[in-house]
Amino acid sequence: MSKTGNFIAGLLTGAMAGTVLALLYAPDTGKNTRDRLSYRLSNYRDELNELISELRKEKQKLVSEAKEKGEKVVSEAKEKAESLIKEAEGLLESIEK
């Protein structure tokens, strides 16, 4: 699993553990506990959305880099192929003479 995947798993596990502990040891009334849980879950959701956004940006960056490298490899291959064709044509001309 990647570092990001481990981070997400840790974040979700920590959020669930915190929620369970809060429910088990809550000295407040049910309404207060629900309000706090709602607030925390809202914060976790916002953090998760930010993380997803960052992952999407990183994915786009990696795809862009891969495309650039691919285009570079293709252009280098074309140049080498053209060079080889010219050499072959030169050899054919010398053989014909």
N, C-alpha and C. Protein backbone atom coordinates (compact mmCIF):
# COMPACT_ATOMS: atom_id res chain seq x y z
N MET A 1 0.85 -1.17 0.00
CA MET A 1 0.00 0.00 0.00
C MET A 1 0.90 1.24 0.00
N SER A 2 0.50 2.25 -0.69
CA SER A 2 1.31 3.47 -0.78
C SER A 2 1.24 4.27 0.52
N LYS A 3 2.12 5.25 0.61
CA LYS A 3 2.14 6.10 1.80
C LYS A 3 0.80 6.82 1.95
N THR A 4 0.25 7.27 0.83
CA THR A 4 -1.03 7.97 0.88
C THR A 4 -2.14 7.03 1.33
N GLY A 5 -2.11 5.80 0.81
CA GLY A 5 -3.12 4.82 1.22
C GLY A 5 -3.02 4.51 2.70
N ASN A 6 -1.79 4.37 3.19
CA ASN A 6 -1.60 4.13 4.62
C ASN A 6 -2.09 5.31 5.44
N PHE A 7 -1.84 6.52 4.94
CA PHE A 7 -2.29 7.72 5.65
C PHE A 7 -3.81 7.74 5.74
N ILE A 8 -4.47 7.45 4.63
CA ILE A 8 -5.94 7.46 4.60
C ILE A 8 -6.48 6.40 5.55
N ALA A 9 -5.90 5.20 5.51
CA ALA A 9 -6.35 4.14 6.40
C ALA A 9 -6.15 4.54 7.86
N GLY A 10 -5.00 5.14 8.16
CA GLY A 10 -4.75 5.60 9.53
C GLY A 10 -5.71 6.68 9.96
N LEU A 11 -6.00 7.61 9.03
CA LEU A 11 -6.92 8.70 9.33
C LEU A 11 -8.32 8.16 9.63
N LEU A 12 -8.79 7.25 8.80
CA LEU A 12 -10.13 6.69 9.01
C LEU A 12 -10.18 5.83 10.28
N THR A 13 -9.15 5.05 10.52
CA THR A 13 -9.11 4.22 11.72
C THR A 13 -9.10 5.10 12.97
N GLY A 14 -8.30 6.15 12.95
CA GLY A 14 -8.25 7.06 14.09
C GLY A 14 -9.58 7.76 14.32
N ALA A 15 -10.24 8.13 13.23
CA ALA A 15 -11.53 8.80 13.35
C ALA A 15 -12.57 7.87 13.97
N MET A 16 -12.56 6.62 13.52
CA MET A 16 -13.53 5.65 14.07
C MET A 16 -13.23 5.36 15.54
N ALA A 17 -11.95 5.17 15.87
CA ALA A 17 -11.59 4.88 17.26
C ALA A 17 -11.96 6.05 18.16
N GLY A 18 -11.70 7.26 17.70
CA GLY A 18 -12.06 8.44 18.49
C GLY A 18 -13.56 8.55 18.69
N THR A 19 -14.31 8.23 17.67
CA THR A 19 -15.77 8.29 17.77
C THR A 19 -16.29 7.27 18.77
N VAL A 20 -15.77 6.05 18.68
CA VAL A 20 -16.22 5.00 19.61
C VAL A 20 -15.86 5.37 21.05
N LEU A 21 -14.64 5.84 21.27
CA LEU A 21 -14.25 6.22 22.63
C LEU A 21 -15.08 7.39 23.14
N ALA A 22 -15.38 8.32 22.27
CA ALA A 22 -16.21 9.47 22.69
C ALA A 22 -17.59 9.01 23.11
N LEU A 23 -18.14 8.06 22.38
CA LEU A 23 -19.47 7.55 22.74
C LEU A 23 -19.44 6.77 24.05
N LEU A 24 -18.41 5.98 24.25
CA LEU A 24 -18.35 5.15 25.45
C LEU A 24 -18.11 5.96 26.73
N TYR A 25 -17.35 7.02 26.62
CA TYR A 25 -16.98 7.79 27.80
C TYR A 25 -17.62 9.17 27.84
N ALA A 26 -18.69 9.34 27.13
CA ALA A 26 -19.32 10.65 27.05
C ALA A 26 -20.11 10.96 28.33
N PRO A 27 -19.69 12.00 29.06
CA PRO A 27 -20.44 12.39 30.26
C PRO A 27 -21.59 13.34 29.92
N ASP A 28 -21.64 13.81 28.67
CA ASP A 28 -22.66 14.76 28.25
C ASP A 28 -23.97 14.06 27.90
N THR A 29 -24.94 14.91 27.64
CA THR A 29 -26.22 14.39 27.19
C THR A 29 -26.09 13.89 25.75
N GLY A 30 -27.06 13.16 25.31
CA GLY A 30 -27.06 12.63 23.95
C GLY A 30 -26.99 13.71 22.90
N LYS A 31 -27.72 14.82 23.12
CA LYS A 31 -27.73 15.90 22.14
C LYS A 31 -26.34 16.52 22.00
N ASN A 32 -25.70 16.79 23.13
CA ASN A 32 -24.35 17.37 23.08
C ASN A 32 -23.36 16.42 22.40
N THR A 33 -23.49 15.14 22.74
CA THR A 33 -22.60 14.15 22.13
C THR A 33 -22.83 14.10 20.62
N ARG A 34 -24.08 14.08 20.20
CA ARG A 34 -24.39 14.07 18.76
C ARG A 34 -23.86 15.31 18.07
N ASP A 35 -24.00 16.45 18.73
CA ASP A 35 -23.48 17.69 18.14
C ASP A 35 -21.96 17.63 17.98
N ARG A 36 -21.27 17.15 18.99
CA ARG A 36 -19.82 17.05 18.90
C ARG A 36 -19.40 16.05 17.81
N LEU A 37 -20.12 14.92 17.78
CA LEU A 37 -19.81 13.93 16.74
C LEU A 37 -20.05 14.49 15.35
N SER A 38 -21.14 15.21 15.23
CA SER A 38 -21.46 15.82 13.93
C SER A 38 -20.37 16.79 13.52
N TYR A 39 -19.91 17.58 14.46
CA TYR A 39 -18.85 18.56 14.19
C TYR A 39 -17.55 17.84 13.78
N ARG A 40 -17.20 16.82 14.54
CA ARG A 40 -15.97 16.07 14.24
C ARG A 40 -16.07 15.38 12.88
N LEU A 41 -17.19 14.75 12.63
CA LEU A 41 -17.37 14.07 11.34
C LEU A 41 -17.32 15.07 10.19
N SER A 42 -17.86 16.24 10.42
CA SER A 42 -17.80 17.28 9.40
C SER A 42 -16.34 17.67 9.12
N ASN A 43 -15.56 17.82 10.19
CA ASN A 43 -14.14 18.13 10.03
C ASN A 43 -13.40 17.01 9.31
N TYR A 44 -13.69 15.76 9.69
CA TYR A 44 -13.04 14.63 9.02
C TYR A 44 -13.42 14.58 7.54
N ARG A 45 -14.67 14.86 7.26
CA ARG A 45 -15.13 14.85 5.86
C ARG A 45 -14.41 15.94 5.07
N ASP A 46 -14.27 17.12 5.67
CA ASP A 46 -13.55 18.20 5.00
C ASP A 46 -12.08 17.83 4.75
N GLU A 47 -11.44 17.24 5.75
CA GLU A 47 -10.05 16.82 5.59
C GLU A 47 -9.92 15.75 4.51
N LEU A 48 -10.87 14.82 4.49
CA LEU A 48 -10.85 13.77 3.48
C LEU A 48 -11.06 14.35 2.08
N ASN A 49 -11.96 15.31 1.96
CA ASN A 49 -12.17 15.95 0.66
C ASN A 49 -10.92 16.69 0.20
N GLU A 50 -10.23 17.35 1.13
CA GLU A 50 -8.98 18.04 0.78
C GLU A 50 -7.93 17.03 0.33
N LEU A 51 -7.84 15.92 1.03
CA LEU A 51 -6.88 14.88 0.67
C LEU A 51 -7.20 14.30 -0.71
N ILE A 52 -8.46 14.06 -0.98
CA ILE A 52 -8.86 13.55 -2.29
C ILE A 52 -8.51 14.56 -3.37
N SER A 53 -8.73 15.82 -3.10
CA SER A 53 -8.38 16.87 -4.06
C SER A 53 -6.88 16.87 -4.33
N GLU A 54 -6.09 16.76 -3.28
CA GLU A 54 -4.63 16.72 -3.44
C GLU A 54 -4.20 15.49 -4.23
N LEU A 55 -4.84 14.35 -3.97
CA LEU A 55 -4.51 13.13 -4.70
C LEU A 55 -4.85 13.28 -6.18
N ARG A 56 -5.95 13.92 -6.48
CA ARG A 56 -6.32 14.14 -7.89
C ARG A 56 -5.30 15.04 -8.58
N LYS A 57 -4.87 16.08 -7.89
CA LYS A 57 -3.85 16.98 -8.46
C LYS A 57 -2.56 16.22 -8.71
N GLU A 58 -2.16 15.40 -7.74
CA GLU A 58 -0.94 14.62 -7.88
C GLU A 58 -1.06 13.63 -9.04
N LYS A 59 -2.22 13.04 -9.17
CA LYS A 59 -2.46 12.10 -10.27
C LYS A 59 -2.31 12.83 -11.61
N GLN A 60 -2.91 14.00 -11.72
CA GLN A 60 -2.82 14.77 -12.96
C GLN A 60 -1.37 15.14 -13.26
N LYS A 61 -0.64 15.50 -12.22
CA LYS A 61 0.77 15.86 -12.39
C LYS A 61 1.56 14.65 -12.90
N LEU A 62 1.33 13.48 -12.30
CA LEU A 62 2.04 12.28 -12.72
C LEU A 62 1.68 11.88 -14.14
N VAL A 63 0.40 11.99 -14.49
CA VAL A 63 -0.02 11.67 -15.86
C VAL A 63 0.64 12.62 -16.84
N SER A 64 0.69 13.89 -16.49
CA SER A 64 1.32 14.89 -17.35
C SER A 64 2.80 14.58 -17.54
N GLU A 65 3.48 14.25 -16.46
CA GLU A 65 4.90 13.90 -16.55
C GLU A 65 5.10 12.66 -17.40
N ALA A 66 4.23 11.68 -17.24
CA ALA A 66 4.35 10.44 -18.02
C ALA A 66 4.14 10.73 -19.51
N LYS A 67 3.18 11.60 -19.82
CA LYS A 67 2.94 11.95 -21.22
C LYS A 67 4.16 12.64 -21.81
N GLU A 68 4.74 13.57 -21.06
CA GLU A 68 5.93 14.28 -21.53
C GLU A 68 7.08 13.30 -21.80
N LYS A 69 7.30 12.38 -20.87
CA LYS A 69 8.37 11.41 -21.04
C LYS A 69 8.08 10.50 -22.24
N GLY A 70 6.82 10.11 -22.39
CA GLY A 70 6.43 9.28 -23.53
C GLY A 70 6.66 9.99 -24.85
N GLU A 71 6.28 11.25 -24.90
CA GLU A 71 6.48 12.03 -26.13
C GLU A 71 7.97 12.18 -26.43
N LYS A 72 8.77 12.35 -25.40
CA LYS A 72 10.22 12.48 -25.59
C LYS A 72 10.79 11.18 -26.16
N VAL A 73 10.36 10.05 -25.61
CA VAL A 73 10.84 8.76 -26.10
C VAL A 73 10.43 8.56 -27.55
N VAL A 74 9.19 8.91 -27.89
CA VAL A 74 8.71 8.75 -29.27
C VAL A 74 9.51 9.64 -30.22
N SER A 75 9.76 10.89 -29.84
CA SER A 75 10.52 11.78 -30.73
C SER A 75 11.95 11.28 -30.90
N GLU A 76 12.57 10.78 -29.82
CA GLU A 76 13.91 10.23 -29.94
C GLU A 76 13.93 9.00 -30.84
N ALA A 77 12.91 8.17 -30.72
CA ALA A 77 12.82 6.97 -31.56
C ALA A 77 12.65 7.37 -33.03
N LYS A 78 11.84 8.39 -33.29
CA LYS A 78 11.66 8.86 -34.67
C LYS A 78 12.98 9.37 -35.23
N GLU A 79 13.71 10.15 -34.44
CA GLU A 79 14.99 10.67 -34.89
C GLU A 79 15.97 9.53 -35.20
N LYS A 80 16.02 8.53 -34.34
CA LYS A 80 16.91 7.40 -34.57
C LYS A 80 16.48 6.62 -35.81
N ALA A 81 15.17 6.45 -35.99
CA ALA A 81 14.67 5.74 -37.17
C ALA A 81 15.03 6.50 -38.44
N GLU A 82 14.87 7.80 -38.44
CA GLU A 82 15.24 8.61 -39.60
C GLU A 82 16.73 8.50 -39.89
N SER A 83 17.53 8.52 -38.85
CA SER A 83 18.97 8.39 -39.00
C SER A 83 19.33 7.03 -39.62
N LEU A 84 18.69 5.98 -39.12
CA LEU A 84 18.94 4.65 -39.66
C LEU A 84 18.50 4.54 -41.12
N ILE A 85 17.38 5.15 -41.45
CA ILE A 85 16.89 5.13 -42.83
C ILE A 85 17.90 5.83 -43.74
N LYS A 86 18.39 6.96 -43.30
CA LYS A 86 19.39 7.69 -44.10
C LYS A 86 20.65 6.85 -44.28
N GLU A 87 21.10 6.19 -43.22
CA GLU A 87 22.27 5.32 -43.33
C GLU A 87 22.02 4.18 -44.30
N ALA A 88 20.84 3.57 -44.21
CA ALA A 88 20.50 2.46 -45.10
C ALA A 88 20.44 2.94 -46.54
N GLU A 89 19.85 4.11 -46.77
CA GLU A 89 19.80 4.66 -48.12
C GLU A 89 21.21 4.91 -48.65
N GLY A 90 22.10 5.42 -47.80
CA GLY A 90 23.49 5.65 -48.17
C GLY A 90 24.18 4.35 -48.54
N LEU A 91 23.93 3.31 -47.74
CA LEU A 91 24.52 2.01 -48.04
C LEU A 91 24.02 1.46 -49.36
N LEU A 92 22.70 1.61 -49.60
CA LEU A 92 22.14 1.14 -50.87
C LEU A 92 22.76 1.88 -52.05
N GLU A 93 22.96 3.17 -51.91
CA GLU A 93 23.56 3.94 -52.99
C GLU A 93 24.99 3.49 -53.25
N SER A 94 25.73 3.23 -52.16
CA SER A 94 27.11 2.78 -52.34
C SER A 94 27.18 1.38 -52.95
N ILE A 95 26.22 0.53 -52.61
CA ILE A 95 26.18 -0.81 -53.18
C ILE A 95 25.85 -0.75 -54.67
N GLU A 96 24.92 0.14 -55.02
CA GLU A 96 24.50 0.29 -56.43
C GLU A 96 25.63 0.80 -57.30
N LYS A 97 26.54 1.56 -56.75
CA LYS A 97 27.65 2.12 -57.53
C LYS A 97 28.66 1.08 -57.75
